[in-house]
Amino acid sequence: MPENVFRFESPWILLGLLVLPILGAWLFVVAPGRRPAIRFPRVSELLEIEPSAVQSVHWLPSALRMAVLALLLLAAARPQTGKRVSTVLTEGIDIVVALDVSRSMLAEDFKPRNRLHVAKQTIGRFIRGRRNDRIGLVVFAGRAYTQCPLTTDYGVLQSLLQEIEVGMLEDPTAIGTAIATSSARLKDTEAISKVVILVTDGRSNAGSIDPLTAAELASAVGVKVYTVGVGREGLVDYPDPRMRGGYTQIESDIDEEALATIAKRTEGAFFRAHDPEALDGIFERIDEMEKTKRETKDYTRYREIFLLPAALALLLLLLERGLSATRFRTVPG
């Protein structure tokens, strides 16, 4: 939004206003005291004289002259008004978040909820913290598909994020397909940076493309992949489908070596999240590493308004000259 501004081109001229109180003291205090006194034989006669209407405002011409001088100083300082406009130039980042929706994401080692629920919350906060970046969503299990194409409509993006749930796709886990699908969304964009954030709790055991081959293809089109492994090691609680409200245990099986290699080959980074707090911290680090470049240029167009005080000074000067030549005319003698 344009911002209204005001300034004086030559503000040092306003220092002349400091002289006006001294001049006023001379005109209204010192000078009247230096006039020759009129002698009256009896003081009682002096008391009987009532001042006329003109005499009661005898100071008016001098005050007008002072005002004229002040307005001329203001005009000489060249007051200006303008509008300051800020132009924000951004170099956006295109980001695709690839989220694992295989059944192992229901494991409840991220108490009090499961891995998928916590991952969705963390991704939602990440989206709220971005500005001017296009973000898309890819979900994957035994295959992958685009839940939301690249967009800056974060409201729609958040709604589609909340709709993600386990069971949308059949198991097992196709990490290579997820990377290839995400990279395909990014390869033709003109963003300064293209990023995939892949969140999974397993190892690739499905799909027609190997994860490392997919990583090479991503690197070839300028896509950087951050891989995030979620879940604790060892046995973790998992809802038992045979018993309502019951649990069984499954073994975590995260292929850290493959995830780290994928990240390295695309100049990204691999992170391991053992709890919700660690996952939050990981997304905060990625947020800092992939910041949008913002450059702001300010410019202001000024309009001269010195004619306003100058015109007012001229009017007051004409008024003072007219009063001094008529009602306030002094007769020498």
C-alpha atoms as a PDB file:
ATOM      1  CA  MET A   1       0.000   0.000   0.000  1.00  0.00           C
ATOM      2  CA  PRO A   2       1.334   3.503  -0.805  1.00  0.00           C
ATOM      3  CA  GLU A   3       2.373   5.493   2.250  1.00  0.00           C
ATOM      4  CA  ASN A   4       1.768   9.257   2.410  1.00  0.00           C
ATOM      5  CA  VAL A   5       4.894  11.204   3.370  1.00  0.00           C
ATOM      6  CA  PHE A   6       5.765  14.860   3.982  1.00  0.00           C
ATOM      7  CA  ARG A   7       9.132  16.594   4.003  1.00  0.00           C
ATOM      8  CA  PHE A   8      10.964  19.916   3.539  1.00  0.00           C
ATOM      9  CA  GLU A   9      13.533  19.953   0.734  1.00  0.00           C
ATOM     10  CA  SER A  10      15.596  22.625   2.574  1.00  0.00           C
ATOM     11  CA  PRO A  11      14.713  22.158   6.254  1.00  0.00           C
ATOM     12  CA  TRP A  12      17.686  24.259   7.470  1.00  0.00           C
ATOM     13  CA  ILE A  13      15.806  27.394   6.332  1.00  0.00           C
ATOM     14  CA  LEU A  14      13.285  26.710   9.114  1.00  0.00           C
ATOM     15  CA  LEU A  15      15.965  27.767  11.590  1.00  0.00           C
ATOM     16  CA  GLY A  16      14.925  31.288  10.669  1.00  0.00           C
ATOM     17  CA  LEU A  17      11.704  30.682  12.626  1.00  0.00           C
ATOM     18  CA  LEU A  18      13.802  30.805  15.795  1.00  0.00           C
ATOM     19  CA  VAL A  19      14.418  34.510  15.149  1.00  0.00           C
ATOM     20  CA  LEU A  20      10.706  35.331  15.072  1.00  0.00           C
ATOM     21  CA  PRO A  21      10.173  35.266  18.866  1.00  0.00           C
ATOM     22  CA  ILE A  22      13.028  37.776  19.257  1.00  0.00           C
ATOM     23  CA  LEU A  23      11.541  39.971  16.553  1.00  0.00           C
ATOM     24  CA  GLY A  24       8.116  39.673  18.166  1.00  0.00           C
ATOM     25  CA  ALA A  25       9.487  40.738  21.529  1.00  0.00           C
ATOM     26  CA  TRP A  26      10.988  43.796  19.876  1.00  0.00           C
ATOM     27  CA  LEU A  27       7.798  44.752  18.042  1.00  0.00           C
ATOM     28  CA  PHE A  28       5.365  44.195  20.894  1.00  0.00           C
ATOM     29  CA  VAL A  29       7.419  44.956  24.003  1.00  0.00           C
ATOM     30  CA  VAL A  30      10.579  46.950  23.377  1.00  0.00           C
ATOM     31  CA  ALA A  31       9.480  49.227  20.517  1.00  0.00           C
ATOM     32  CA  PRO A  32       6.258  50.467  22.176  1.00  0.00           C
ATOM     33  CA  GLY A  33       8.235  51.404  25.277  1.00  0.00           C
ATOM     34  CA  ARG A  34      10.642  53.540  23.251  1.00  0.00           C
ATOM     35  CA  ARG A  35       7.899  55.801  21.819  1.00  0.00           C
ATOM     36  CA  PRO A  36       7.721  59.362  23.238  1.00  0.00           C
ATOM     37  CA  ALA A  37       5.216  59.642  26.056  1.00  0.00           C
ATOM     38  CA  ILE A  38       2.230  62.024  25.958  1.00  0.00           C
ATOM     39  CA  ARG A  39       2.176  64.299  28.996  1.00  0.00           C
ATOM     40  CA  PHE A  40      -1.111  64.925  30.772  1.00  0.00           C
ATOM     41  CA  PRO A  41      -1.438  67.652  33.439  1.00  0.00           C
ATOM     42  CA  ARG A  42      -3.707  65.419  35.493  1.00  0.00           C
ATOM     43  CA  VAL A  43      -3.801  61.635  35.688  1.00  0.00           C
ATOM     44  CA  SER A  44      -7.578  61.706  36.079  1.00  0.00           C
ATOM     45  CA  GLU A  45      -7.853  63.003  32.518  1.00  0.00           C
ATOM     46  CA  LEU A  46      -5.830  60.021  31.291  1.00  0.00           C
ATOM     47  CA  LEU A  47      -8.171  57.623  33.040  1.00  0.00           C
ATOM     48  CA  GLU A  48     -11.164  59.189  31.340  1.00  0.00           C
ATOM     49  CA  ILE A  49      -9.816  58.316  27.858  1.00  0.00           C
ATOM     50  CA  GLU A  50     -11.271  55.064  26.500  1.00  0.00           C
ATOM     51  CA  PRO A  51      -9.309  53.262  23.750  1.00  0.00           C
ATOM     52  CA  SER A  52     -11.014  52.967  20.373  1.00  0.00           C
ATOM     53  CA  ALA A  53     -11.615  49.623  18.669  1.00  0.00           C
ATOM     54  CA  VAL A  54      -8.582  50.192  16.438  1.00  0.00           C
ATOM     55  CA  GLN A  55      -6.353  51.074  19.384  1.00  0.00           C
ATOM     56  CA  SER A  56      -7.332  47.872  21.219  1.00  0.00           C
ATOM     57  CA  VAL A  57      -5.901  45.796  18.333  1.00  0.00           C
ATOM     58  CA  HIS A  58      -2.996  48.066  17.508  1.00  0.00           C
ATOM     59  CA  TRP A  59      -0.755  44.990  17.398  1.00  0.00           C
ATOM     60  CA  LEU A  60      -2.588  43.487  14.393  1.00  0.00           C
ATOM     61  CA  PRO A  61      -0.405  44.907  11.553  1.00  0.00           C
ATOM     62  CA  SER A  62       2.767  43.787  13.318  1.00  0.00           C
ATOM     63  CA  ALA A  63       1.292  40.320  13.896  1.00  0.00           C
ATOM     64  CA  LEU A  64       0.368  40.110  10.227  1.00  0.00           C
ATOM     65  CA  ARG A  65       3.916  41.044   9.235  1.00  0.00           C
ATOM     66  CA  MET A  66       5.253  38.315  11.535  1.00  0.00           C
ATOM     67  CA  ALA A  67       2.879  35.763   9.998  1.00  0.00           C
ATOM     68  CA  VAL A  68       3.943  36.827   6.481  1.00  0.00           C
ATOM     69  CA  LEU A  69       7.590  36.315   7.403  1.00  0.00           C
ATOM     70  CA  ALA A  70       6.893  32.895   8.917  1.00  0.00           C
ATOM     71  CA  LEU A  71       4.958  31.755   5.840  1.00  0.00           C
ATOM     72  CA  LEU A  72       7.717  32.973   3.510  1.00  0.00           C
ATOM     73  CA  LEU A  73      10.258  30.942   5.496  1.00  0.00           C
ATOM     74  CA  LEU A  74       8.023  27.880   5.194  1.00  0.00           C
ATOM     75  CA  ALA A  75       7.700  28.403   1.447  1.00  0.00           C
ATOM     76  CA  ALA A  76      11.468  28.868   1.072  1.00  0.00           C
ATOM     77  CA  ALA A  77      12.037  25.531   2.847  1.00  0.00           C
ATOM     78  CA  ARG A  78      10.039  23.910  -0.006  1.00  0.00           C
ATOM     79  CA  PRO A  79       7.444  21.682   1.652  1.00  0.00           C
ATOM     80  CA  GLN A  80       6.648  18.580  -0.373  1.00  0.00           C
ATOM     81  CA  THR A  81       4.144  15.758  -0.150  1.00  0.00           C
ATOM     82  CA  GLY A  82       4.568  12.387  -1.744  1.00  0.00           C
ATOM     83  CA  LYS A  83       3.659   8.730  -1.783  1.00  0.00           C
ATOM     84  CA  ARG A  84       6.218   6.110  -0.804  1.00  0.00           C
ATOM     85  CA  VAL A  85       5.754   2.848  -2.665  1.00  0.00           C
ATOM     86  CA  SER A  86       7.496  -0.413  -1.785  1.00  0.00           C
ATOM     87  CA  THR A  87       8.063  -2.988  -4.490  1.00  0.00           C
ATOM     88  CA  VAL A  88       8.818  -6.487  -3.214  1.00  0.00           C
ATOM     89  CA  LEU A  89      10.798  -8.660  -5.582  1.00  0.00           C
ATOM     90  CA  THR A  90      10.747 -12.343  -4.651  1.00  0.00           C
ATOM     91  CA  GLU A  91      12.512 -15.368  -5.975  1.00  0.00           C
ATOM     92  CA  GLY A  92      10.151 -18.136  -4.912  1.00  0.00           C
ATOM     93  CA  ILE A  93      10.849 -21.727  -4.031  1.00  0.00           C
ATOM     94  CA  ASP A  94       8.773 -24.628  -5.327  1.00  0.00           C
ATOM     95  CA  ILE A  95       8.330 -27.362  -2.727  1.00  0.00           C
ATOM     96  CA  VAL A  96       6.644 -30.756  -2.956  1.00  0.00           C
ATOM     97  CA  VAL A  97       6.025 -32.647   0.281  1.00  0.00           C
ATOM     98  CA  ALA A  98       5.857 -36.413  -0.356  1.00  0.00           C
ATOM     99  CA  LEU A  99       4.119 -38.152   2.545  1.00  0.00           C
ATOM    100  CA  ASP A 100       4.095 -41.888   3.216  1.00  0.00           C
ATOM    101  CA  VAL A 101       0.570 -43.251   3.812  1.00  0.00           C
ATOM    102  CA  SER A 102       1.460 -46.919   4.162  1.00  0.00           C
ATOM    103  CA  ARG A 103      -0.125 -48.775   7.113  1.00  0.00           C
ATOM    104  CA  SER A 104       3.028 -48.640   9.210  1.00  0.00           C
ATOM    105  CA  MET A 105       2.381 -44.891   9.601  1.00  0.00           C
ATOM    106  CA  LEU A 106      -0.388 -45.883  12.063  1.00  0.00           C
ATOM    107  CA  ALA A 107       2.262 -46.945  14.592  1.00  0.00           C
ATOM    108  CA  GLU A 108       1.758 -45.027  17.834  1.00  0.00           C
ATOM    109  CA  ASP A 109       5.306 -44.401  18.958  1.00  0.00           C
ATOM    110  CA  PHE A 110       4.619 -40.648  18.540  1.00  0.00           C
ATOM    111  CA  LYS A 111       2.271 -40.537  21.529  1.00  0.00           C
ATOM    112  CA  PRO A 112      -0.487 -39.587  21.978  1.00  0.00           C
ATOM    113  CA  ARG A 113      -1.207 -40.048  18.244  1.00  0.00           C
ATOM    114  CA  ASN A 114       0.237 -42.034  15.359  1.00  0.00           C
ATOM    115  CA  ARG A 115       3.075 -41.106  13.030  1.00  0.00           C
ATOM    116  CA  LEU A 116       0.829 -39.892  10.192  1.00  0.00           C
ATOM    117  CA  HIS A 117      -1.208 -37.597  12.455  1.00  0.00           C
ATOM    118  CA  VAL A 118       1.917 -35.954  13.889  1.00  0.00           C
ATOM    119  CA  ALA A 119       3.505 -35.653  10.423  1.00  0.00           C
ATOM    120  CA  LYS A 120       0.379 -33.895   9.091  1.00  0.00           C
ATOM    121  CA  GLN A 121       0.399 -31.445  12.011  1.00  0.00           C
ATOM    122  CA  THR A 122       4.078 -30.655  11.454  1.00  0.00           C
ATOM    123  CA  ILE A 123       3.634 -30.196   7.704  1.00  0.00           C
ATOM    124  CA  GLY A 124       0.652 -27.912   8.383  1.00  0.00           C
ATOM    125  CA  ARG A 125       2.786 -25.654  10.586  1.00  0.00           C
ATOM    126  CA  PHE A 126       5.508 -25.656   7.935  1.00  0.00           C
ATOM    127  CA  ILE A 127       3.000 -24.512   5.294  1.00  0.00           C
ATOM    128  CA  ARG A 128       1.715 -21.711   7.551  1.00  0.00           C
ATOM    129  CA  GLY A 129       5.262 -20.415   7.918  1.00  0.00           C
ATOM    130  CA  ARG A 130       5.961 -20.073   4.193  1.00  0.00           C
ATOM    131  CA  ARG A 131       5.421 -16.910   2.134  1.00  0.00           C
ATOM    132  CA  ASN A 132       5.333 -16.550  -1.669  1.00  0.00           C
ATOM    133  CA  ASP A 133       6.383 -20.184  -2.248  1.00  0.00           C
ATOM    134  CA  ARG A 134       4.397 -22.708  -4.250  1.00  0.00           C
ATOM    135  CA  ILE A 135       3.838 -25.940  -2.346  1.00  0.00           C
ATOM    136  CA  GLY A 136       2.387 -29.241  -3.519  1.00  0.00           C
ATOM    137  CA  LEU A 137       1.520 -32.575  -1.894  1.00  0.00           C
ATOM    138  CA  VAL A 138       2.266 -36.106  -3.086  1.00  0.00           C
ATOM    139  CA  VAL A 139       1.074 -39.185  -1.170  1.00  0.00           C
ATOM    140  CA  PHE A 140       2.572 -42.604  -1.652  1.00  0.00           C
ATOM    141  CA  ALA A 141       2.451 -46.196  -0.509  1.00  0.00           C
ATOM    142  CA  GLY A 142       2.593 -49.004  -3.142  1.00  0.00           C
ATOM    143  CA  ARG A 143       2.238 -46.239  -5.756  1.00  0.00           C
ATOM    144  CA  ALA A 144       2.187 -42.433  -5.689  1.00  0.00           C
ATOM    145  CA  TYR A 145      -0.162 -39.718  -6.835  1.00  0.00           C
ATOM    146  CA  THR A 146      -0.483 -35.949  -6.507  1.00  0.00           C
ATOM    147  CA  GLN A 147      -2.817 -34.919  -3.703  1.00  0.00           C
ATOM    148  CA  CYS A 148      -2.362 -31.203  -4.497  1.00  0.00           C
ATOM    149  CA  PRO A 149      -0.428 -29.589  -7.383  1.00  0.00           C
ATOM    150  CA  LEU A 150       1.910 -26.687  -6.730  1.00  0.00           C
ATOM    151  CA  THR A 151      -0.077 -23.750  -5.379  1.00  0.00           C
ATOM    152  CA  THR A 152       0.119 -20.600  -3.280  1.00  0.00           C
ATOM    153  CA  ASP A 153      -3.457 -21.106  -2.087  1.00  0.00           C
ATOM    154  CA  TYR A 154      -2.408 -22.332   1.337  1.00  0.00           C
ATOM    155  CA  GLY A 155      -6.016 -22.625   2.513  1.00  0.00           C
ATOM    156  CA  VAL A 156      -6.826 -25.247  -0.127  1.00  0.00           C
ATOM    157  CA  LEU A 157      -3.484 -26.915   0.533  1.00  0.00           C
ATOM    158  CA  GLN A 158      -4.238 -27.230   4.243  1.00  0.00           C
ATOM    159  CA  SER A 159      -7.670 -28.716   3.518  1.00  0.00           C
ATOM    160  CA  LEU A 160      -6.222 -31.355   1.202  1.00  0.00           C
ATOM    161  CA  LEU A 161      -3.510 -32.130   3.751  1.00  0.00           C
ATOM    162  CA  GLN A 162      -6.130 -32.899   6.385  1.00  0.00           C
ATOM    163  CA  GLU A 163      -7.868 -35.324   4.000  1.00  0.00           C
ATOM    164  CA  ILE A 164      -4.791 -37.546   3.791  1.00  0.00           C
ATOM    165  CA  GLU A 165      -5.194 -40.855   5.612  1.00  0.00           C
ATOM    166  CA  VAL A 166      -3.854 -44.380   5.666  1.00  0.00           C
ATOM    167  CA  GLY A 167      -5.683 -46.628   3.209  1.00  0.00           C
ATOM    168  CA  MET A 168      -5.776 -44.101   0.365  1.00  0.00           C
ATOM    169  CA  LEU A 169      -3.297 -46.362  -1.446  1.00  0.00           C
ATOM    170  CA  GLU A 170      -2.442 -49.995  -1.090  1.00  0.00           C
ATOM    171  CA  ASP A 171       0.768 -51.069   0.640  1.00  0.00           C
ATOM    172  CA  PRO A 172       3.760 -51.550   0.499  1.00  0.00           C
ATOM    173  CA  THR A 173       6.167 -48.571   0.036  1.00  0.00           C
ATOM    174  CA  ALA A 174       7.414 -47.192  -3.309  1.00  0.00           C
ATOM    175  CA  ILE A 175       9.921 -44.491  -2.384  1.00  0.00           C
ATOM    176  CA  GLY A 176      11.423 -44.333  -5.893  1.00  0.00           C
ATOM    177  CA  THR A 177       7.995 -43.750  -7.436  1.00  0.00           C
ATOM    178  CA  ALA A 178       7.296 -41.015  -4.873  1.00  0.00           C
ATOM    179  CA  ILE A 179      10.527 -39.188  -5.750  1.00  0.00           C
ATOM    180  CA  ALA A 180       9.875 -39.537  -9.493  1.00  0.00           C
ATOM    181  CA  THR A 181       6.293 -38.269  -9.169  1.00  0.00           C
ATOM    182  CA  SER A 182       7.388 -35.291  -7.044  1.00  0.00           C
ATOM    183  CA  SER A 183      10.259 -34.422  -9.397  1.00  0.00           C
ATOM    184  CA  ALA A 184       7.911 -34.529 -12.388  1.00  0.00           C
ATOM    185  CA  ARG A 185       5.864 -31.785 -10.713  1.00  0.00           C
ATOM    186  CA  LEU A 186       8.970 -29.635 -10.382  1.00  0.00           C
ATOM    187  CA  LYS A 187      11.079 -30.257 -13.483  1.00  0.00           C
ATOM    188  CA  ASP A 188       9.439 -27.622 -15.721  1.00  0.00           C
ATOM    189  CA  THR A 189       9.038 -24.835 -13.160  1.00  0.00           C
ATOM    190  CA  GLU A 190      11.147 -21.669 -13.254  1.00  0.00           C
ATOM    191  CA  ALA A 191      11.670 -21.414  -9.494  1.00  0.00           C
ATOM    192  CA  ILE A 192      15.139 -20.523  -8.256  1.00  0.00           C
ATOM    193  CA  SER A 193      15.017 -23.582  -5.989  1.00  0.00           C
ATOM    194  CA  LYS A 194      13.126 -26.873  -6.377  1.00  0.00           C
ATOM    195  CA  VAL A 195      12.728 -29.011  -3.285  1.00  0.00           C
ATOM    196  CA  VAL A 196      11.189 -32.354  -2.361  1.00  0.00           C
ATOM    197  CA  ILE A 197      10.637 -33.180   1.324  1.00  0.00           C
ATOM    198  CA  LEU A 198      10.057 -36.928   1.575  1.00  0.00           C
ATOM    199  CA  VAL A 199       8.587 -38.201   4.867  1.00  0.00           C
ATOM    200  CA  THR A 200       8.566 -41.979   5.393  1.00  0.00           C
ATOM    201  CA  ASP A 201       8.893 -44.639   8.075  1.00  0.00           C
ATOM    202  CA  GLY A 202       9.985 -47.553   5.921  1.00  0.00           C
ATOM    203  CA  ARG A 203      12.141 -48.869   3.118  1.00  0.00           C
ATOM    204  CA  SER A 204      11.368 -49.085  -0.569  1.00  0.00           C
ATOM    205  CA  ASN A 205       9.903 -52.490  -1.462  1.00  0.00           C
ATOM    206  CA  ALA A 206       7.617 -51.655  -4.386  1.00  0.00           C
ATOM    207  CA  GLY A 207       7.407 -49.568  -7.526  1.00  0.00           C
ATOM    208  CA  SER A 208       8.944 -49.760 -10.979  1.00  0.00           C
ATOM    209  CA  ILE A 209      11.769 -47.299 -10.286  1.00  0.00           C
ATOM    210  CA  ASP A 210      14.619 -47.748  -7.871  1.00  0.00           C
ATOM    211  CA  PRO A 211      14.979 -44.917  -5.271  1.00  0.00           C
ATOM    212  CA  LEU A 212      18.600 -44.189  -6.185  1.00  0.00           C
ATOM    213  CA  THR A 213      17.743 -44.053  -9.887  1.00  0.00           C
ATOM    214  CA  ALA A 214      14.904 -41.668  -9.033  1.00  0.00           C
ATOM    215  CA  ALA A 215      17.381 -39.570  -7.041  1.00  0.00           C
ATOM    216  CA  GLU A 216      19.688 -39.335 -10.088  1.00  0.00           C
ATOM    217  CA  LEU A 217      16.767 -38.214 -12.240  1.00  0.00           C
ATOM    218  CA  ALA A 218      15.763 -35.614  -9.625  1.00  0.00           C
ATOM    219  CA  SER A 219      19.304 -34.251  -9.529  1.00  0.00           C
ATOM    220  CA  ALA A 220      19.366 -34.040 -13.329  1.00  0.00           C
ATOM    221  CA  VAL A 221      16.374 -31.663 -13.344  1.00  0.00           C
ATOM    222  CA  GLY A 222      17.716 -29.557 -10.473  1.00  0.00           C
ATOM    223  CA  VAL A 223      15.563 -31.001  -7.682  1.00  0.00           C
ATOM    224  CA  LYS A 224      16.950 -31.201  -4.152  1.00  0.00           C
ATOM    225  CA  VAL A 225      15.533 -33.971  -1.937  1.00  0.00           C
ATOM    226  CA  TYR A 226      15.346 -33.779   1.849  1.00  0.00           C
ATOM    227  CA  THR A 227      14.566 -37.200   3.338  1.00  0.00           C
ATOM    228  CA  VAL A 228      12.977 -37.536   6.775  1.00  0.00           C
ATOM    229  CA  GLY A 229      12.745 -40.889   8.557  1.00  0.00           C
ATOM    230  CA  VAL A 230      10.050 -40.938  11.247  1.00  0.00           C
ATOM    231  CA  GLY A 231       9.621 -43.446  14.070  1.00  0.00           C
ATOM    232  CA  ARG A 232      11.566 -45.022  16.914  1.00  0.00           C
ATOM    233  CA  GLU A 233      13.801 -48.064  16.498  1.00  0.00           C
ATOM    234  CA  GLY A 234      12.761 -51.474  17.661  1.00  0.00           C
ATOM    235  CA  LEU A 235       9.284 -52.694  18.560  1.00  0.00           C
ATOM    236  CA  VAL A 236       6.520 -50.074  18.546  1.00  0.00           C
ATOM    237  CA  ASP A 237       2.797 -50.153  19.347  1.00  0.00           C
ATOM    238  CA  TYR A 238       0.468 -50.710  16.409  1.00  0.00           C
ATOM    239  CA  PRO A 239      -3.363 -50.953  16.417  1.00  0.00           C
ATOM    240  CA  ASP A 240      -4.370 -54.615  16.261  1.00  0.00           C
ATOM    241  CA  PRO A 241      -7.000 -55.008  13.509  1.00  0.00           C
ATOM    242  CA  ARG A 242      -8.270 -58.177  15.216  1.00  0.00           C
ATOM    243  CA  MET A 243      -9.099 -56.451  18.481  1.00  0.00           C
ATOM    244  CA  ARG A 244     -11.005 -53.164  18.925  1.00  0.00           C
ATOM    245  CA  GLY A 245      -8.859 -50.811  21.013  1.00  0.00           C
ATOM    246  CA  GLY A 246      -6.126 -53.427  21.250  1.00  0.00           C
ATOM    247  CA  TYR A 247      -2.498 -53.196  20.184  1.00  0.00           C
ATOM    248  CA  THR A 248       0.144 -55.433  18.822  1.00  0.00           C
ATOM    249  CA  GLN A 249       3.772 -54.570  18.141  1.00  0.00           C
ATOM    250  CA  ILE A 250       5.652 -54.234  14.895  1.00  0.00           C
ATOM    251  CA  GLU A 251       9.323 -53.726  14.135  1.00  0.00           C
ATOM    252  CA  SER A 252      10.435 -50.343  12.775  1.00  0.00           C
ATOM    253  CA  ASP A 253      12.185 -50.787   9.457  1.00  0.00           C
ATOM    254  CA  ILE A 254      13.612 -47.496   8.230  1.00  0.00           C
ATOM    255  CA  ASP A 255      16.279 -47.709   5.529  1.00  0.00           C
ATOM    256  CA  GLU A 256      18.463 -44.890   6.834  1.00  0.00           C
ATOM    257  CA  GLU A 257      21.336 -45.717   4.482  1.00  0.00           C
ATOM    258  CA  ALA A 258      19.174 -45.438   1.358  1.00  0.00           C
ATOM    259  CA  LEU A 259      17.488 -42.233   2.582  1.00  0.00           C
ATOM    260  CA  ALA A 260      20.872 -40.655   3.349  1.00  0.00           C
ATOM    261  CA  THR A 261      22.202 -41.627  -0.093  1.00  0.00           C
ATOM    262  CA  ILE A 262      19.153 -40.154  -1.845  1.00  0.00           C
ATOM    263  CA  ALA A 263      19.657 -36.860  -0.015  1.00  0.00           C
ATOM    264  CA  LYS A 264      23.402 -36.766  -0.736  1.00  0.00           C
ATOM    265  CA  ARG A 265      22.981 -37.407  -4.472  1.00  0.00           C
ATOM    266  CA  THR A 266      20.540 -34.498  -4.788  1.00  0.00           C
ATOM    267  CA  GLU A 267      22.507 -32.119  -2.523  1.00  0.00           C
ATOM    268  CA  GLY A 268      19.778 -32.351   0.090  1.00  0.00           C
ATOM    269  CA  ALA A 269      19.985 -33.689   3.639  1.00  0.00           C
ATOM    270  CA  PHE A 270      18.779 -36.698   5.626  1.00  0.00           C
ATOM    271  CA  PHE A 271      17.087 -36.293   9.010  1.00  0.00           C
ATOM    272  CA  ARG A 272      15.919 -38.773  11.615  1.00  0.00           C
ATOM    273  CA  ALA A 273      12.931 -38.016  13.855  1.00  0.00           C
ATOM    274  CA  HIS A 274      12.399 -40.254  16.887  1.00  0.00           C
ATOM    275  CA  ASP A 275       9.613 -38.119  18.400  1.00  0.00           C
ATOM    276  CA  PRO A 276       7.247 -35.229  17.522  1.00  0.00           C
ATOM    277  CA  GLU A 277       9.610 -32.579  18.903  1.00  0.00           C
ATOM    278  CA  ALA A 278      12.451 -33.825  16.702  1.00  0.00           C
ATOM    279  CA  LEU A 279      10.171 -33.783  13.645  1.00  0.00           C
ATOM    280  CA  ASP A 280       9.198 -30.167  14.385  1.00  0.00           C
ATOM    281  CA  GLY A 281      12.862 -29.244  14.679  1.00  0.00           C
ATOM    282  CA  ILE A 282      13.670 -30.915  11.358  1.00  0.00           C
ATOM    283  CA  PHE A 283      11.034 -28.944   9.474  1.00  0.00           C
ATOM    284  CA  GLU A 284      12.239 -25.754  11.166  1.00  0.00           C
ATOM    285  CA  ARG A 285      15.769 -26.484   9.943  1.00  0.00           C
ATOM    286  CA  ILE A 286      14.530 -27.134   6.411  1.00  0.00           C
ATOM    287  CA  ASP A 287      12.541 -23.905   6.618  1.00  0.00           C
ATOM    288  CA  GLU A 288      15.722 -21.993   7.479  1.00  0.00           C
ATOM    289  CA  MET A 289      17.769 -23.748   4.801  1.00  0.00           C
ATOM    290  CA  GLU A 290      15.246 -23.026   2.050  1.00  0.00           C
ATOM    291  CA  LYS A 291      14.310 -19.385   2.533  1.00  0.00           C
ATOM    292  CA  THR A 292      12.721 -17.295  -0.192  1.00  0.00           C
ATOM    293  CA  LYS A 293      14.916 -14.437  -1.344  1.00  0.00           C
ATOM    294  CA  ARG A 294      13.125 -11.141  -0.758  1.00  0.00           C
ATOM    295  CA  GLU A 295      14.319  -7.760  -2.019  1.00  0.00           C
ATOM    296  CA  THR A 296      12.408  -4.574  -1.316  1.00  0.00           C
ATOM    297  CA  LYS A 297      12.808  -1.404  -3.347  1.00  0.00           C
ATOM    298  CA  ASP A 298      11.340   1.835  -2.025  1.00  0.00           C
ATOM    299  CA  TYR A 299      10.765   4.934  -4.115  1.00  0.00           C
ATOM    300  CA  THR A 300       8.889   8.157  -3.424  1.00  0.00           C
ATOM    301  CA  ARG A 301       7.405  10.688  -5.820  1.00  0.00           C
ATOM    302  CA  TYR A 302       7.179  14.184  -4.337  1.00  0.00           C
ATOM    303  CA  ARG A 303       4.925  17.114  -5.250  1.00  0.00           C
ATOM    304  CA  GLU A 304       5.884  20.722  -4.449  1.00  0.00           C
ATOM    305  CA  ILE A 305       3.378  22.576  -2.244  1.00  0.00           C
ATOM    306  CA  PHE A 306       5.403  25.738  -1.457  1.00  0.00           C
ATOM    307  CA  LEU A 307       2.892  27.795  -3.454  1.00  0.00           C
ATOM    308  CA  LEU A 308       0.313  27.311  -0.698  1.00  0.00           C
ATOM    309  CA  PRO A 309       2.231  29.117   2.088  1.00  0.00           C
ATOM    310  CA  ALA A 310       3.553  31.637  -0.456  1.00  0.00           C
ATOM    311  CA  ALA A 311       0.029  32.485  -1.631  1.00  0.00           C
ATOM    312  CA  LEU A 312      -1.202  32.774   1.946  1.00  0.00           C
ATOM    313  CA  ALA A 313       1.744  35.062   2.762  1.00  0.00           C
ATOM    314  CA  LEU A 314       0.801  37.306  -0.175  1.00  0.00           C
ATOM    315  CA  LEU A 315      -2.813  37.539   0.996  1.00  0.00           C
ATOM    316  CA  LEU A 316      -1.749  38.459   4.531  1.00  0.00           C
ATOM    317  CA  LEU A 317       0.717  41.021   3.182  1.00  0.00           C
ATOM    318  CA  LEU A 318      -2.012  42.677   1.099  1.00  0.00           C
ATOM    319  CA  LEU A 319      -4.270  42.699   4.160  1.00  0.00           C
ATOM    320  CA  GLU A 320      -1.542  44.274   6.288  1.00  0.00           C
ATOM    321  CA  ARG A 321      -0.801  46.928   3.662  1.00  0.00           C
ATOM    322  CA  GLY A 322      -4.488  47.692   3.330  1.00  0.00           C
ATOM    323  CA  LEU A 323      -5.005  48.052   7.102  1.00  0.00           C
ATOM    324  CA  SER A 324      -1.853  50.119   7.530  1.00  0.00           C
ATOM    325  CA  ALA A 325      -3.005  52.506   4.797  1.00  0.00           C
ATOM    326  CA  THR A 326      -6.538  52.914   6.228  1.00  0.00           C
ATOM    327  CA  ARG A 327      -7.688  51.983   9.724  1.00  0.00           C
ATOM    328  CA  PHE A 328      -4.192  51.736  11.194  1.00  0.00           C
ATOM    329  CA  ARG A 329      -2.657  54.660   9.335  1.00  0.00           C
ATOM    330  CA  THR A 330      -0.331  56.758  11.479  1.00  0.00           C
ATOM    331  CA  VAL A 331      -0.049  60.508  10.998  1.00  0.00           C
ATOM    332  CA  PRO A 332       3.462  61.916  11.476  1.00  0.00           C
ATOM    333  CA  GLY A 333       3.788  64.785  13.831  1.00  0.00           C
END
